[in-house]
Amino acid sequence: MADREFSTVAHEFDNNPALLNSTREEFIAKKVREQHVQPPYFRNMEKLNLEGVEHWPVQRNYINQQTLQEYSEAPNRVLVDIRSTEAYLAGHIPGSI
């Protein structure tokens, strides 16, 4: 969208080179002819989106209370609480966001 933070359909119809002086059919034909490069991960991403995954491949590192306290007091560190909503509501970890 160029340097604008927003746009409108009317603005795009009046100023977008892809839309200027073209009919709906010409615009569609132009878009169909475009050759976009597919990122190397796309096929795998598409497969996972269509079929799902058995588990999310995330390694969780659990830390004990003492390590948590040391970590939360260390300078230039941010502790992010990513527990479930229920766990978060049951008790906020001091110093975390």
N, C-alpha and C. Protein backbone atom coordinates (compact mmCIF):
# COMPACT_ATOMS: atom_id res chain seq x y z
N MET A 1 0.82 -1.19 0.00
CA MET A 1 0.00 0.00 0.00
C MET A 1 0.86 1.25 0.00
N ALA A 2 2.00 1.13 -0.54
CA ALA A 2 2.90 2.28 -0.67
C ALA A 2 3.20 2.87 0.70
N ASP A 3 3.26 4.20 0.77
CA ASP A 3 3.59 4.87 2.02
C ASP A 3 2.36 5.26 2.82
N ARG A 4 1.19 4.79 2.40
CA ARG A 4 -0.04 5.13 3.12
C ARG A 4 -0.32 4.10 4.20
N GLU A 5 -0.92 4.56 5.29
CA GLU A 5 -1.29 3.64 6.36
C GLU A 5 -2.63 2.98 6.07
N PHE A 6 -3.40 3.55 5.15
CA PHE A 6 -4.71 3.00 4.81
C PHE A 6 -5.05 3.37 3.39
N SER A 7 -6.10 2.78 2.88
CA SER A 7 -6.55 3.08 1.53
C SER A 7 -8.05 2.85 1.46
N THR A 8 -8.63 3.23 0.34
CA THR A 8 -10.04 2.96 0.10
C THR A 8 -10.16 2.36 -1.29
N VAL A 9 -11.28 1.72 -1.55
CA VAL A 9 -11.51 1.15 -2.87
C VAL A 9 -11.50 2.27 -3.90
N ALA A 10 -12.15 3.39 -3.59
CA ALA A 10 -12.20 4.51 -4.53
C ALA A 10 -10.80 5.03 -4.85
N HIS A 11 -9.96 5.16 -3.82
CA HIS A 11 -8.59 5.64 -4.05
C HIS A 11 -7.82 4.66 -4.95
N GLU A 12 -7.96 3.36 -4.69
CA GLU A 12 -7.25 2.37 -5.50
C GLU A 12 -7.75 2.38 -6.95
N PHE A 13 -9.06 2.50 -7.16
CA PHE A 13 -9.58 2.58 -8.52
C PHE A 13 -9.03 3.79 -9.26
N ASP A 14 -8.83 4.89 -8.54
CA ASP A 14 -8.36 6.12 -9.17
C ASP A 14 -6.85 6.18 -9.34
N ASN A 15 -6.08 5.43 -8.53
CA ASN A 15 -4.63 5.61 -8.51
C ASN A 15 -3.79 4.35 -8.71
N ASN A 16 -4.34 3.19 -8.56
CA ASN A 16 -3.57 1.96 -8.66
C ASN A 16 -3.33 1.60 -10.12
N PRO A 17 -2.06 1.54 -10.56
CA PRO A 17 -1.76 1.24 -11.96
C PRO A 17 -2.35 -0.08 -12.44
N ALA A 18 -2.48 -1.04 -11.54
CA ALA A 18 -3.04 -2.33 -11.94
C ALA A 18 -4.52 -2.23 -12.26
N LEU A 19 -5.17 -1.20 -11.75
CA LEU A 19 -6.61 -1.05 -11.97
C LEU A 19 -6.96 0.01 -13.01
N LEU A 20 -6.01 0.88 -13.29
CA LEU A 20 -6.29 1.97 -14.23
C LEU A 20 -6.50 1.44 -15.64
N ASN A 21 -7.49 1.95 -16.30
CA ASN A 21 -7.76 1.64 -17.71
C ASN A 21 -7.85 0.15 -18.00
N SER A 22 -8.40 -0.61 -17.08
CA SER A 22 -8.58 -2.03 -17.38
C SER A 22 -9.97 -2.46 -16.92
N THR A 23 -10.53 -3.35 -17.68
CA THR A 23 -11.82 -3.92 -17.32
C THR A 23 -11.60 -5.01 -16.29
N ARG A 24 -12.66 -5.50 -15.73
CA ARG A 24 -12.57 -6.59 -14.77
C ARG A 24 -11.89 -7.80 -15.41
N GLU A 25 -12.27 -8.12 -16.62
CA GLU A 25 -11.71 -9.27 -17.32
C GLU A 25 -10.22 -9.09 -17.59
N GLU A 26 -9.81 -7.87 -17.98
CA GLU A 26 -8.39 -7.60 -18.23
C GLU A 26 -7.58 -7.72 -16.93
N PHE A 27 -8.15 -7.22 -15.84
CA PHE A 27 -7.47 -7.30 -14.55
C PHE A 27 -7.28 -8.77 -14.14
N ILE A 28 -8.33 -9.56 -14.27
CA ILE A 28 -8.25 -10.99 -13.92
C ILE A 28 -7.22 -11.69 -14.79
N ALA A 29 -7.25 -11.43 -16.09
CA ALA A 29 -6.29 -12.07 -17.01
C ALA A 29 -4.86 -11.70 -16.63
N LYS A 30 -4.64 -10.44 -16.26
CA LYS A 30 -3.30 -9.98 -15.87
C LYS A 30 -2.84 -10.70 -14.60
N LYS A 31 -3.73 -10.84 -13.62
CA LYS A 31 -3.37 -11.51 -12.38
C LYS A 31 -3.09 -13.00 -12.59
N VAL A 32 -3.85 -13.63 -13.49
CA VAL A 32 -3.65 -15.05 -13.78
C VAL A 32 -2.30 -15.28 -14.45
N ARG A 33 -1.85 -14.34 -15.26
CA ARG A 33 -0.56 -14.48 -15.97
C ARG A 33 0.65 -14.26 -15.05
N GLU A 34 0.45 -13.63 -13.91
CA GLU A 34 1.57 -13.35 -13.02
C GLU A 34 2.22 -14.65 -12.54
N GLN A 35 3.53 -14.64 -12.47
CA GLN A 35 4.29 -15.78 -11.98
C GLN A 35 4.92 -15.41 -10.65
N HIS A 36 4.41 -15.96 -9.58
CA HIS A 36 4.95 -15.66 -8.26
C HIS A 36 5.88 -16.79 -7.82
N VAL A 37 6.96 -16.43 -7.20
CA VAL A 37 7.91 -17.41 -6.69
C VAL A 37 7.34 -17.98 -5.40
N GLN A 38 7.35 -19.28 -5.29
CA GLN A 38 6.83 -19.94 -4.10
C GLN A 38 7.97 -20.18 -3.12
N PRO A 39 7.83 -19.71 -1.87
CA PRO A 39 8.88 -19.94 -0.89
C PRO A 39 9.13 -21.44 -0.70
N PRO A 40 10.36 -21.83 -0.38
CA PRO A 40 10.69 -23.26 -0.28
C PRO A 40 9.88 -24.00 0.79
N TYR A 41 9.43 -23.31 1.83
CA TYR A 41 8.69 -23.96 2.90
C TYR A 41 7.20 -24.09 2.59
N PHE A 42 6.74 -23.50 1.49
CA PHE A 42 5.31 -23.40 1.23
C PHE A 42 4.62 -24.75 1.08
N ARG A 43 5.22 -25.68 0.37
CA ARG A 43 4.59 -27.00 0.17
C ARG A 43 4.35 -27.70 1.50
N ASN A 44 5.36 -27.66 2.38
CA ASN A 44 5.20 -28.28 3.69
C ASN A 44 4.14 -27.55 4.51
N MET A 45 4.15 -26.22 4.46
CA MET A 45 3.16 -25.43 5.19
C MET A 45 1.76 -25.75 4.69
N GLU A 46 1.61 -25.85 3.37
CA GLU A 46 0.32 -26.16 2.78
C GLU A 46 -0.17 -27.54 3.24
N LYS A 47 0.73 -28.52 3.25
CA LYS A 47 0.40 -29.87 3.69
C LYS A 47 -0.06 -29.86 5.15
N LEU A 48 0.68 -29.16 6.01
CA LEU A 48 0.32 -29.10 7.43
C LEU A 48 -1.01 -28.38 7.63
N ASN A 49 -1.25 -27.33 6.86
CA ASN A 49 -2.52 -26.60 6.97
C ASN A 49 -3.70 -27.47 6.55
N LEU A 50 -3.50 -28.29 5.53
CA LEU A 50 -4.59 -29.14 5.04
C LEU A 50 -4.80 -30.38 5.89
N GLU A 51 -3.70 -31.00 6.34
CA GLU A 51 -3.80 -32.27 7.05
C GLU A 51 -3.70 -32.14 8.57
N GLY A 52 -3.15 -31.05 9.05
CA GLY A 52 -2.95 -30.89 10.48
C GLY A 52 -1.69 -31.60 10.93
N VAL A 53 -1.37 -31.47 12.19
CA VAL A 53 -0.21 -32.14 12.78
C VAL A 53 -0.66 -32.89 14.03
N GLU A 54 0.04 -33.97 14.33
CA GLU A 54 -0.30 -34.74 15.52
C GLU A 54 0.05 -33.99 16.79
N HIS A 55 1.13 -33.28 16.78
CA HIS A 55 1.55 -32.50 17.93
C HIS A 55 2.34 -31.29 17.44
N TRP A 56 2.38 -30.29 18.26
CA TRP A 56 3.13 -29.09 17.90
C TRP A 56 4.58 -29.31 18.33
N PRO A 57 5.53 -29.21 17.42
CA PRO A 57 6.93 -29.52 17.75
C PRO A 57 7.61 -28.41 18.55
N VAL A 58 7.15 -28.23 19.78
CA VAL A 58 7.72 -27.19 20.64
C VAL A 58 8.35 -27.86 21.85
N GLN A 59 9.55 -27.46 22.13
CA GLN A 59 10.22 -27.98 23.31
C GLN A 59 9.98 -26.98 24.44
N ARG A 60 9.42 -27.47 25.50
CA ARG A 60 9.15 -26.59 26.64
C ARG A 60 10.22 -26.83 27.70
N ASN A 61 10.78 -25.76 28.16
CA ASN A 61 11.77 -25.85 29.22
C ASN A 61 11.13 -25.34 30.50
N TYR A 62 10.97 -26.22 31.46
CA TYR A 62 10.38 -25.84 32.73
C TYR A 62 11.49 -25.46 33.69
N ILE A 63 11.24 -24.43 34.48
CA ILE A 63 12.25 -23.99 35.43
C ILE A 63 11.66 -24.02 36.83
N ASN A 64 12.52 -24.23 37.81
CA ASN A 64 12.04 -24.28 39.19
C ASN A 64 11.88 -22.86 39.75
N GLN A 65 11.30 -22.76 40.93
CA GLN A 65 10.97 -21.46 41.53
C GLN A 65 12.22 -20.60 41.75
N GLN A 66 13.33 -21.21 42.20
CA GLN A 66 14.55 -20.44 42.45
C GLN A 66 15.08 -19.86 41.14
N THR A 67 15.15 -20.68 40.11
CA THR A 67 15.62 -20.20 38.81
C THR A 67 14.70 -19.11 38.27
N LEU A 68 13.40 -19.30 38.46
CA LEU A 68 12.42 -18.29 38.03
C LEU A 68 12.68 -16.96 38.73
N GLN A 69 12.91 -17.01 40.04
CA GLN A 69 13.18 -15.80 40.81
C GLN A 69 14.45 -15.12 40.31
N GLU A 70 15.52 -15.89 40.11
CA GLU A 70 16.79 -15.33 39.63
C GLU A 70 16.61 -14.72 38.24
N TYR A 71 15.89 -15.41 37.41
CA TYR A 71 15.68 -14.93 36.04
C TYR A 71 14.88 -13.63 36.03
N SER A 72 13.82 -13.58 36.83
CA SER A 72 12.96 -12.40 36.80
C SER A 72 13.65 -11.17 37.38
N GLU A 73 14.67 -11.38 38.21
CA GLU A 73 15.39 -10.25 38.80
C GLU A 73 16.62 -9.84 37.99
N ALA A 74 17.00 -10.61 37.00
CA ALA A 74 18.19 -10.31 36.20
C ALA A 74 17.94 -9.08 35.34
N PRO A 75 18.96 -8.23 35.16
CA PRO A 75 18.79 -7.04 34.32
C PRO A 75 18.63 -7.40 32.84
N ASN A 76 17.90 -6.59 32.14
CA ASN A 76 17.70 -6.74 30.69
C ASN A 76 17.06 -8.07 30.30
N ARG A 77 16.23 -8.60 31.14
CA ARG A 77 15.50 -9.83 30.84
C ARG A 77 14.02 -9.56 30.97
N VAL A 78 13.26 -10.21 30.12
CA VAL A 78 11.80 -10.10 30.19
C VAL A 78 11.24 -11.51 30.34
N LEU A 79 10.40 -11.69 31.32
CA LEU A 79 9.77 -12.98 31.55
C LEU A 79 8.35 -12.92 30.99
N VAL A 80 8.06 -13.77 30.02
CA VAL A 80 6.74 -13.78 29.38
C VAL A 80 6.00 -15.02 29.87
N ASP A 81 4.83 -14.80 30.46
CA ASP A 81 4.00 -15.88 30.99
C ASP A 81 3.12 -16.41 29.86
N ILE A 82 3.41 -17.63 29.38
CA ILE A 82 2.65 -18.19 28.26
C ILE A 82 1.77 -19.36 28.69
N ARG A 83 1.47 -19.42 29.98
CA ARG A 83 0.61 -20.50 30.46
C ARG A 83 -0.81 -20.32 29.94
N SER A 84 -1.62 -21.32 30.17
CA SER A 84 -3.03 -21.25 29.76
C SER A 84 -3.73 -20.11 30.50
N THR A 85 -4.86 -19.69 29.97
CA THR A 85 -5.64 -18.63 30.61
C THR A 85 -6.00 -19.01 32.04
N GLU A 86 -6.40 -20.26 32.23
CA GLU A 86 -6.80 -20.72 33.56
C GLU A 86 -5.63 -20.62 34.54
N ALA A 87 -4.46 -21.07 34.13
CA ALA A 87 -3.28 -21.02 35.00
C ALA A 87 -2.90 -19.58 35.29
N TYR A 88 -2.99 -18.72 34.29
CA TYR A 88 -2.65 -17.31 34.47
C TYR A 88 -3.59 -16.66 35.48
N LEU A 89 -4.88 -16.94 35.34
CA LEU A 89 -5.87 -16.36 36.25
C LEU A 89 -5.74 -16.90 37.66
N ALA A 90 -5.21 -18.11 37.80
CA ALA A 90 -5.04 -18.71 39.12
C ALA A 90 -3.90 -18.05 39.90
N GLY A 91 -2.98 -17.41 39.21
CA GLY A 91 -1.87 -16.75 39.89
C GLY A 91 -0.85 -16.22 38.91
N HIS A 92 -0.68 -14.92 38.91
CA HIS A 92 0.26 -14.27 38.00
C HIS A 92 1.68 -14.47 38.52
N ILE A 93 2.61 -14.73 37.63
CA ILE A 93 4.02 -14.87 38.01
C ILE A 93 4.58 -13.46 38.20
N PRO A 94 5.03 -13.14 39.39
CA PRO A 94 5.54 -11.78 39.65
C PRO A 94 6.66 -11.40 38.67
N GLY A 95 6.57 -10.21 38.15
CA GLY A 95 7.58 -9.70 37.24
C GLY A 95 7.40 -10.12 35.80
N SER A 96 6.38 -10.91 35.51
CA SER A 96 6.18 -11.37 34.14
C SER A 96 5.15 -10.51 33.42
N ILE A 97 5.16 -10.64 32.12
CA ILE A 97 4.13 -9.96 31.32
C ILE A 97 3.34 -11.01 30.58
